[in-house]
Amino acid sequence: MNFTPKKLNTFLMVKLPSAWLCGVRVQTIDTNSCTVNVRHKWINKNPFKSMFWAVQGMAAEMSTGTLVMKEMYESKKKISMLVASNKATFTKKAVGKITFTTNDGVKIKKAIEDTIRTGEGQTFWMESIGVDEVGDVVSNFAFEWTIKVKS
């Protein structure tokens, strides 16, 4: 499978319909980075006239998780993945189009190589930064991913 934005957005619609309905969409993906957009609208708003924090979390997680899925697929091994924990900070109201970007792809390759070589589970942190249309950071998410070769 080629990991293209179109195929990933179809995956979202089928496997993660709540994220898809809220407007989460993969824009770009390559070996080291992934960009995901989400626009503030009626379905993902909060009472404070901005985007609900959980919708931002879905978009941020998608930017990191997509890279994990891509590397797992390319390893040709059966590997499980799970978010063990996460942290988030919010610095500005999220309105308009918010773009979440991670550039942590290099961390995944080493963790997958290590779990294949040792058979032991691996953990690693990935960061996704949410920026609004004028370039201001609105939120910053960090996800602790765990991976392990399936037996």
N, C-alpha and C. Protein backbone atom coordinates (compact mmCIF):
# COMPACT_ATOMS: atom_id res chain seq x y z
N MET A 1 0.84 -1.19 0.00
CA MET A 1 0.00 0.00 0.00
C MET A 1 0.88 1.24 0.00
N ASN A 2 0.58 2.17 -0.87
CA ASN A 2 1.24 3.46 -0.83
C ASN A 2 0.54 4.33 0.20
N PHE A 3 1.32 4.96 1.05
CA PHE A 3 0.75 5.84 2.07
C PHE A 3 0.61 7.23 1.47
N THR A 4 -0.51 7.47 0.82
CA THR A 4 -0.81 8.77 0.23
C THR A 4 -1.89 9.45 1.06
N PRO A 5 -1.95 10.77 1.02
CA PRO A 5 -3.02 11.46 1.74
C PRO A 5 -4.41 10.96 1.36
N LYS A 6 -4.64 10.69 0.08
CA LYS A 6 -5.97 10.22 -0.34
C LYS A 6 -6.32 8.88 0.31
N LYS A 7 -5.38 7.94 0.30
CA LYS A 7 -5.64 6.63 0.91
C LYS A 7 -5.79 6.75 2.42
N LEU A 8 -5.00 7.59 3.04
CA LEU A 8 -5.10 7.77 4.49
C LEU A 8 -6.41 8.44 4.88
N ASN A 9 -6.90 9.36 4.08
CA ASN A 9 -8.18 10.01 4.38
C ASN A 9 -9.34 9.04 4.19
N THR A 10 -9.23 8.13 3.23
CA THR A 10 -10.23 7.07 3.08
C THR A 10 -10.19 6.16 4.30
N PHE A 11 -9.00 5.82 4.76
CA PHE A 11 -8.83 5.03 5.98
C PHE A 11 -9.52 5.73 7.15
N LEU A 12 -9.32 7.04 7.26
CA LEU A 12 -9.97 7.82 8.32
C LEU A 12 -11.49 7.67 8.27
N MET A 13 -12.04 7.82 7.09
CA MET A 13 -13.49 7.75 6.92
C MET A 13 -14.03 6.38 7.36
N VAL A 14 -13.31 5.32 7.02
CA VAL A 14 -13.79 3.96 7.29
C VAL A 14 -13.48 3.52 8.72
N LYS A 15 -12.27 3.77 9.20
CA LYS A 15 -11.82 3.23 10.49
C LYS A 15 -11.93 4.22 11.66
N LEU A 16 -11.90 5.51 11.37
CA LEU A 16 -11.99 6.54 12.41
C LEU A 16 -13.01 7.61 12.01
N PRO A 17 -14.28 7.21 11.90
CA PRO A 17 -15.28 8.14 11.36
C PRO A 17 -15.47 9.41 12.20
N SER A 18 -15.27 9.35 13.50
CA SER A 18 -15.43 10.57 14.29
C SER A 18 -14.39 11.62 13.91
N ALA A 19 -13.15 11.19 13.67
CA ALA A 19 -12.11 12.13 13.23
C ALA A 19 -12.45 12.67 11.85
N TRP A 20 -12.89 11.80 10.96
CA TRP A 20 -13.23 12.23 9.61
C TRP A 20 -14.39 13.23 9.63
N LEU A 21 -15.45 12.94 10.41
CA LEU A 21 -16.59 13.86 10.50
C LEU A 21 -16.20 15.21 11.08
N CYS A 22 -15.22 15.21 11.98
CA CYS A 22 -14.75 16.47 12.57
C CYS A 22 -13.83 17.26 11.63
N GLY A 23 -13.46 16.66 10.49
CA GLY A 23 -12.69 17.40 9.49
C GLY A 23 -11.20 17.13 9.50
N VAL A 24 -10.73 16.13 10.24
CA VAL A 24 -9.31 15.79 10.26
C VAL A 24 -8.93 15.21 8.90
N ARG A 25 -7.88 15.78 8.28
CA ARG A 25 -7.45 15.31 6.96
C ARG A 25 -5.92 15.34 6.86
N VAL A 26 -5.36 14.24 6.39
CA VAL A 26 -3.91 14.17 6.13
C VAL A 26 -3.63 14.98 4.87
N GLN A 27 -2.63 15.84 4.95
CA GLN A 27 -2.26 16.69 3.80
C GLN A 27 -0.99 16.20 3.11
N THR A 28 0.04 15.91 3.91
CA THR A 28 1.30 15.44 3.34
C THR A 28 1.90 14.37 4.23
N ILE A 29 2.67 13.48 3.61
CA ILE A 29 3.40 12.47 4.37
C ILE A 29 4.65 12.10 3.58
N ASP A 30 5.76 11.97 4.29
CA ASP A 30 6.99 11.44 3.73
C ASP A 30 7.69 10.64 4.82
N THR A 31 8.92 10.29 4.63
CA THR A 31 9.62 9.43 5.58
C THR A 31 9.75 10.07 6.96
N ASN A 32 9.96 11.37 7.01
CA ASN A 32 10.26 12.02 8.28
C ASN A 32 9.14 12.88 8.84
N SER A 33 8.15 13.25 8.03
CA SER A 33 7.15 14.18 8.54
C SER A 33 5.75 13.86 8.01
N CYS A 34 4.78 14.39 8.73
CA CYS A 34 3.39 14.26 8.32
C CYS A 34 2.65 15.52 8.76
N THR A 35 1.79 16.01 7.88
CA THR A 35 1.01 17.21 8.17
C THR A 35 -0.47 16.85 8.06
N VAL A 36 -1.22 17.26 9.08
CA VAL A 36 -2.66 17.00 9.15
C VAL A 36 -3.37 18.32 9.44
N ASN A 37 -4.44 18.58 8.68
CA ASN A 37 -5.23 19.80 8.87
C ASN A 37 -6.59 19.48 9.47
N VAL A 38 -7.13 20.45 10.18
CA VAL A 38 -8.50 20.40 10.66
C VAL A 38 -8.99 21.85 10.76
N ARG A 39 -10.21 22.08 10.32
CA ARG A 39 -10.78 23.43 10.32
C ARG A 39 -11.83 23.55 11.42
N HIS A 40 -11.78 24.65 12.16
CA HIS A 40 -12.78 24.94 13.19
C HIS A 40 -14.14 25.14 12.53
N LYS A 41 -15.12 24.35 12.96
CA LYS A 41 -16.47 24.47 12.42
C LYS A 41 -17.47 23.99 13.48
N TRP A 42 -18.73 24.01 13.13
CA TRP A 42 -19.79 23.71 14.09
C TRP A 42 -19.60 22.37 14.78
N ILE A 43 -19.24 21.33 14.05
CA ILE A 43 -19.18 19.98 14.61
C ILE A 43 -18.02 19.77 15.58
N ASN A 44 -17.00 20.60 15.53
CA ASN A 44 -15.86 20.40 16.42
C ASN A 44 -15.61 21.59 17.36
N LYS A 45 -16.64 22.39 17.58
CA LYS A 45 -16.48 23.57 18.43
C LYS A 45 -16.69 23.23 19.90
N ASN A 46 -16.23 24.11 20.75
CA ASN A 46 -16.51 24.03 22.18
C ASN A 46 -17.31 25.27 22.58
N PRO A 47 -17.77 25.35 23.82
CA PRO A 47 -18.58 26.52 24.22
C PRO A 47 -17.82 27.84 24.24
N PHE A 48 -16.51 27.80 24.07
CA PHE A 48 -15.68 29.00 24.15
C PHE A 48 -15.31 29.55 22.78
N LYS A 49 -16.05 29.12 21.76
CA LYS A 49 -15.89 29.61 20.38
C LYS A 49 -14.53 29.29 19.78
N SER A 50 -14.04 28.10 20.12
CA SER A 50 -12.81 27.61 19.50
C SER A 50 -12.94 26.10 19.32
N MET A 51 -11.91 25.48 18.79
CA MET A 51 -11.93 24.05 18.51
C MET A 51 -11.76 23.27 19.81
N PHE A 52 -12.60 22.24 19.97
CA PHE A 52 -12.54 21.36 21.12
C PHE A 52 -11.16 20.72 21.21
N TRP A 53 -10.62 20.63 22.40
CA TRP A 53 -9.25 20.12 22.57
C TRP A 53 -9.09 18.70 22.04
N ALA A 54 -10.13 17.87 22.16
CA ALA A 54 -10.03 16.48 21.72
C ALA A 54 -9.91 16.37 20.20
N VAL A 55 -10.51 17.30 19.48
CA VAL A 55 -10.37 17.30 18.02
C VAL A 55 -8.93 17.66 17.64
N GLN A 56 -8.37 18.61 18.36
CA GLN A 56 -6.96 18.93 18.13
C GLN A 56 -6.10 17.70 18.42
N GLY A 57 -6.45 16.97 19.47
CA GLY A 57 -5.71 15.76 19.81
C GLY A 57 -5.81 14.69 18.74
N MET A 58 -7.00 14.55 18.14
CA MET A 58 -7.16 13.57 17.06
C MET A 58 -6.25 13.90 15.88
N ALA A 59 -6.22 15.18 15.52
CA ALA A 59 -5.38 15.60 14.39
C ALA A 59 -3.90 15.44 14.71
N ALA A 60 -3.52 15.80 15.93
CA ALA A 60 -2.12 15.67 16.33
C ALA A 60 -1.70 14.21 16.38
N GLU A 61 -2.55 13.36 16.97
CA GLU A 61 -2.23 11.93 17.03
C GLU A 61 -2.14 11.33 15.63
N MET A 62 -3.03 11.76 14.73
CA MET A 62 -3.01 11.24 13.37
C MET A 62 -1.68 11.57 12.68
N SER A 63 -1.14 12.75 12.94
CA SER A 63 0.13 13.12 12.30
C SER A 63 1.26 12.21 12.76
N THR A 64 1.25 11.82 14.02
CA THR A 64 2.32 10.93 14.51
C THR A 64 2.02 9.47 14.16
N GLY A 65 0.79 9.04 14.38
CA GLY A 65 0.42 7.65 14.16
C GLY A 65 0.53 7.22 12.70
N THR A 66 0.28 8.13 11.80
CA THR A 66 0.40 7.82 10.38
C THR A 66 1.83 7.42 10.03
N LEU A 67 2.80 8.14 10.59
CA LEU A 67 4.21 7.79 10.34
C LEU A 67 4.55 6.43 10.95
N VAL A 68 3.99 6.15 12.14
CA VAL A 68 4.24 4.84 12.77
C VAL A 68 3.68 3.73 11.89
N MET A 69 2.43 3.90 11.42
CA MET A 69 1.82 2.88 10.55
C MET A 69 2.63 2.68 9.27
N LYS A 70 3.10 3.76 8.69
CA LYS A 70 3.88 3.68 7.45
C LYS A 70 5.15 2.86 7.65
N GLU A 71 5.89 3.13 8.71
CA GLU A 71 7.14 2.40 8.97
C GLU A 71 6.86 0.94 9.31
N MET A 72 5.78 0.69 10.05
CA MET A 72 5.42 -0.69 10.38
C MET A 72 5.13 -1.46 9.10
N TYR A 73 4.36 -0.87 8.21
CA TYR A 73 4.02 -1.52 6.94
C TYR A 73 5.29 -1.81 6.12
N GLU A 74 6.17 -0.83 6.06
CA GLU A 74 7.39 -0.98 5.26
C GLU A 74 8.35 -2.01 5.85
N SER A 75 8.23 -2.31 7.17
CA SER A 75 9.08 -3.31 7.80
C SER A 75 8.69 -4.73 7.39
N LYS A 76 7.46 -4.88 6.89
CA LYS A 76 6.92 -6.18 6.48
C LYS A 76 6.82 -7.17 7.64
N LYS A 77 6.76 -6.67 8.86
CA LYS A 77 6.57 -7.48 10.07
C LYS A 77 5.23 -7.10 10.70
N LYS A 78 4.65 -8.04 11.44
CA LYS A 78 3.42 -7.74 12.17
C LYS A 78 3.82 -7.10 13.49
N ILE A 79 3.45 -5.83 13.62
CA ILE A 79 3.84 -5.05 14.80
C ILE A 79 2.59 -4.37 15.35
N SER A 80 2.46 -4.40 16.66
CA SER A 80 1.34 -3.70 17.29
C SER A 80 1.80 -2.32 17.73
N MET A 81 0.85 -1.40 17.78
CA MET A 81 1.15 -0.02 18.19
C MET A 81 0.08 0.47 19.14
N LEU A 82 0.47 1.31 20.08
CA LEU A 82 -0.47 1.84 21.06
C LEU A 82 0.09 3.13 21.66
N VAL A 83 -0.77 4.09 21.89
CA VAL A 83 -0.36 5.29 22.63
C VAL A 83 -0.40 4.94 24.11
N ALA A 84 0.75 5.04 24.79
CA ALA A 84 0.83 4.73 26.21
C ALA A 84 0.46 5.94 27.06
N SER A 85 0.85 7.13 26.61
CA SER A 85 0.51 8.36 27.33
C SER A 85 0.67 9.54 26.39
N ASN A 86 0.13 10.66 26.82
CA ASN A 86 0.29 11.88 26.03
C ASN A 86 0.27 13.10 26.93
N LYS A 87 0.80 14.18 26.39
CA LYS A 87 0.83 15.47 27.07
C LYS A 87 0.41 16.53 26.06
N ALA A 88 -0.24 17.56 26.55
CA ALA A 88 -0.65 18.64 25.65
C ALA A 88 -0.57 19.98 26.37
N THR A 89 -0.23 21.00 25.60
CA THR A 89 -0.30 22.37 26.09
C THR A 89 -1.05 23.19 25.04
N PHE A 90 -1.80 24.16 25.53
CA PHE A 90 -2.62 25.01 24.67
C PHE A 90 -2.22 26.45 24.93
N THR A 91 -1.90 27.17 23.85
CA THR A 91 -1.36 28.52 24.02
C THR A 91 -2.23 29.61 23.41
N LYS A 92 -3.22 29.22 22.60
CA LYS A 92 -4.07 30.20 21.93
C LYS A 92 -5.35 29.49 21.49
N LYS A 93 -6.45 30.25 21.39
CA LYS A 93 -7.68 29.66 20.88
C LYS A 93 -7.47 29.14 19.47
N ALA A 94 -7.98 27.93 19.22
CA ALA A 94 -7.85 27.33 17.89
C ALA A 94 -9.08 27.65 17.07
N VAL A 95 -8.93 28.58 16.13
CA VAL A 95 -10.00 28.96 15.21
C VAL A 95 -9.42 28.99 13.79
N GLY A 96 -10.29 28.79 12.81
CA GLY A 96 -9.81 28.73 11.43
C GLY A 96 -9.20 27.38 11.15
N LYS A 97 -8.28 27.33 10.19
CA LYS A 97 -7.60 26.08 9.84
C LYS A 97 -6.37 25.90 10.72
N ILE A 98 -6.29 24.73 11.37
CA ILE A 98 -5.14 24.41 12.21
C ILE A 98 -4.37 23.28 11.54
N THR A 99 -3.06 23.45 11.45
CA THR A 99 -2.19 22.47 10.81
C THR A 99 -1.28 21.86 11.86
N PHE A 100 -1.35 20.52 11.98
CA PHE A 100 -0.50 19.79 12.91
C PHE A 100 0.60 19.10 12.13
N THR A 101 1.84 19.31 12.58
CA THR A 101 2.99 18.74 11.89
C THR A 101 3.89 18.03 12.88
N THR A 102 4.34 16.85 12.48
CA THR A 102 5.39 16.16 13.21
C THR A 102 6.56 15.95 12.26
N ASN A 103 7.75 16.04 12.82
CA ASN A 103 8.97 15.80 12.05
C ASN A 103 9.83 14.74 12.73
N ASP A 104 9.18 13.80 13.40
CA ASP A 104 9.88 12.81 14.22
C ASP A 104 9.99 11.44 13.58
N GLY A 105 9.89 11.35 12.27
CA GLY A 105 9.93 10.06 11.60
C GLY A 105 11.17 9.24 11.86
N VAL A 106 12.29 9.90 12.09
CA VAL A 106 13.55 9.18 12.29
C VAL A 106 13.50 8.34 13.57
N LYS A 107 12.73 8.74 14.55
CA LYS A 107 12.64 7.99 15.82
C LYS A 107 11.99 6.62 15.61
N ILE A 108 11.05 6.56 14.68
CA ILE A 108 10.27 5.35 14.48
C ILE A 108 11.13 4.23 13.90
N LYS A 109 11.92 4.55 12.92
CA LYS A 109 12.73 3.54 12.22
C LYS A 109 13.62 2.79 13.21
N LYS A 110 14.28 3.51 14.10
CA LYS A 110 15.16 2.88 15.08
C LYS A 110 14.36 2.01 16.03
N ALA A 111 13.22 2.47 16.50
CA ALA A 111 12.40 1.69 17.42
C ALA A 111 11.91 0.40 16.77
N ILE A 112 11.52 0.48 15.51
CA ILE A 112 11.05 -0.72 14.80
C ILE A 112 12.21 -1.70 14.59
N GLU A 113 13.36 -1.18 14.21
CA GLU A 113 14.53 -2.05 14.07
C GLU A 113 14.86 -2.75 15.38
N ASP A 114 14.78 -2.00 16.49
CA ASP A 114 15.09 -2.56 17.81
C ASP A 114 14.07 -3.61 18.24
N THR A 115 12.78 -3.36 18.01
CA THR A 115 11.78 -4.35 18.43
C THR A 115 11.86 -5.61 17.58
N ILE A 116 12.21 -5.49 16.30
CA ILE A 116 12.38 -6.67 15.44
C ILE A 116 13.61 -7.46 15.88
N ARG A 117 14.70 -6.75 16.16
CA ARG A 117 15.96 -7.41 16.53
C ARG A 117 15.86 -8.10 17.88
N THR A 118 15.25 -7.43 18.88
CA THR A 118 15.25 -7.96 20.25
C THR A 118 13.97 -8.71 20.62
N GLY A 119 12.87 -8.43 19.92
CA GLY A 119 11.59 -9.01 20.30
C GLY A 119 10.94 -8.29 21.48
N GLU A 120 11.63 -7.31 22.02
CA GLU A 120 11.13 -6.53 23.15
C GLU A 120 10.34 -5.32 22.66
N GLY A 121 9.36 -4.92 23.46
CA GLY A 121 8.61 -3.71 23.15
C GLY A 121 9.50 -2.47 23.23
N GLN A 122 9.16 -1.48 22.47
CA GLN A 122 9.92 -0.22 22.44
C GLN A 122 8.96 0.94 22.67
N THR A 123 9.44 1.98 23.31
CA THR A 123 8.64 3.19 23.48
C THR A 123 9.44 4.37 22.97
N PHE A 124 8.72 5.36 22.46
CA PHE A 124 9.36 6.58 21.99
C PHE A 124 8.33 7.69 21.97
N TRP A 125 8.79 8.92 22.14
CA TRP A 125 7.91 10.10 22.14
C TRP A 125 7.97 10.78 20.79
N MET A 126 6.80 11.24 20.34
CA MET A 126 6.72 12.05 19.12
C MET A 126 5.93 13.31 19.43
N GLU A 127 6.33 14.41 18.83
CA GLU A 127 5.69 15.70 19.06
C GLU A 127 4.95 16.16 17.80
N SER A 128 3.79 16.78 18.02
CA SER A 128 3.04 17.38 16.92
C SER A 128 2.64 18.78 17.34
N ILE A 129 2.96 19.75 16.51
CA ILE A 129 2.70 21.15 16.83
C ILE A 129 1.58 21.67 15.94
N GLY A 130 0.57 22.26 16.58
CA GLY A 130 -0.57 22.83 15.88
C GLY A 130 -0.40 24.33 15.68
N VAL A 131 -0.51 24.76 14.42
CA VAL A 131 -0.29 26.17 14.05
C VAL A 131 -1.53 26.67 13.32
N ASP A 132 -1.94 27.90 13.62
CA ASP A 132 -3.10 28.48 12.93
C ASP A 132 -2.69 29.12 11.61
N GLU A 133 -3.65 29.73 10.94
CA GLU A 133 -3.42 30.28 9.61
C GLU A 133 -2.44 31.44 9.56
N VAL A 134 -2.24 32.13 10.69
CA VAL A 134 -1.27 33.23 10.71
C VAL A 134 0.09 32.80 11.22
N GLY A 135 0.23 31.50 11.53
CA GLY A 135 1.52 30.97 11.95
C GLY A 135 1.74 30.90 13.44
N ASP A 136 0.72 31.21 14.23
CA ASP A 136 0.85 31.14 15.69
C ASP A 136 0.61 29.72 16.18
N VAL A 137 1.43 29.27 17.12
CA VAL A 137 1.23 27.95 17.72
C VAL A 137 0.00 28.02 18.63
N VAL A 138 -0.94 27.11 18.41
CA VAL A 138 -2.15 27.06 19.26
C VAL A 138 -2.08 25.91 20.25
N SER A 139 -1.39 24.83 19.89
CA SER A 139 -1.25 23.70 20.82
C SER A 139 -0.05 22.86 20.43
N ASN A 140 0.43 22.13 21.42
CA ASN A 140 1.57 21.25 21.24
C ASN A 140 1.24 19.93 21.92
N PHE A 141 1.29 18.84 21.18
CA PHE A 141 0.98 17.52 21.72
C PHE A 141 2.21 16.64 21.65
N ALA A 142 2.40 15.81 22.67
CA ALA A 142 3.45 14.80 22.67
C ALA A 142 2.78 13.46 22.98
N PHE A 143 3.12 12.45 22.18
CA PHE A 143 2.55 11.11 22.33
C PHE A 143 3.67 10.12 22.59
N GLU A 144 3.49 9.27 23.60
CA GLU A 144 4.41 8.19 23.88
C GLU A 144 3.85 6.94 23.19
N TRP A 145 4.47 6.55 22.11
CA TRP A 145 4.05 5.37 21.36
C TRP A 145 4.79 4.15 21.87
N THR A 146 4.07 3.02 21.91
CA THR A 146 4.71 1.74 22.23
C THR A 146 4.48 0.83 21.03
N ILE A 147 5.51 0.10 20.67
CA ILE A 147 5.40 -0.87 19.57
C ILE A 147 6.03 -2.18 20.01
N LYS A 148 5.54 -3.27 19.43
CA LYS A 148 6.09 -4.59 19.73
C LYS A 148 5.78 -5.53 18.60
N VAL A 149 6.73 -6.38 18.24
CA VAL A 149 6.51 -7.40 17.22
C VAL A 149 5.48 -8.38 17.77
N LYS A 150 4.48 -8.69 16.95
CA LYS A 150 3.46 -9.67 17.35
C LYS A 150 4.06 -11.07 17.23
N SER A 151 3.69 -11.92 18.18
CA SER A 151 4.20 -13.30 18.14
C SER A 151 3.19 -14.25 17.53
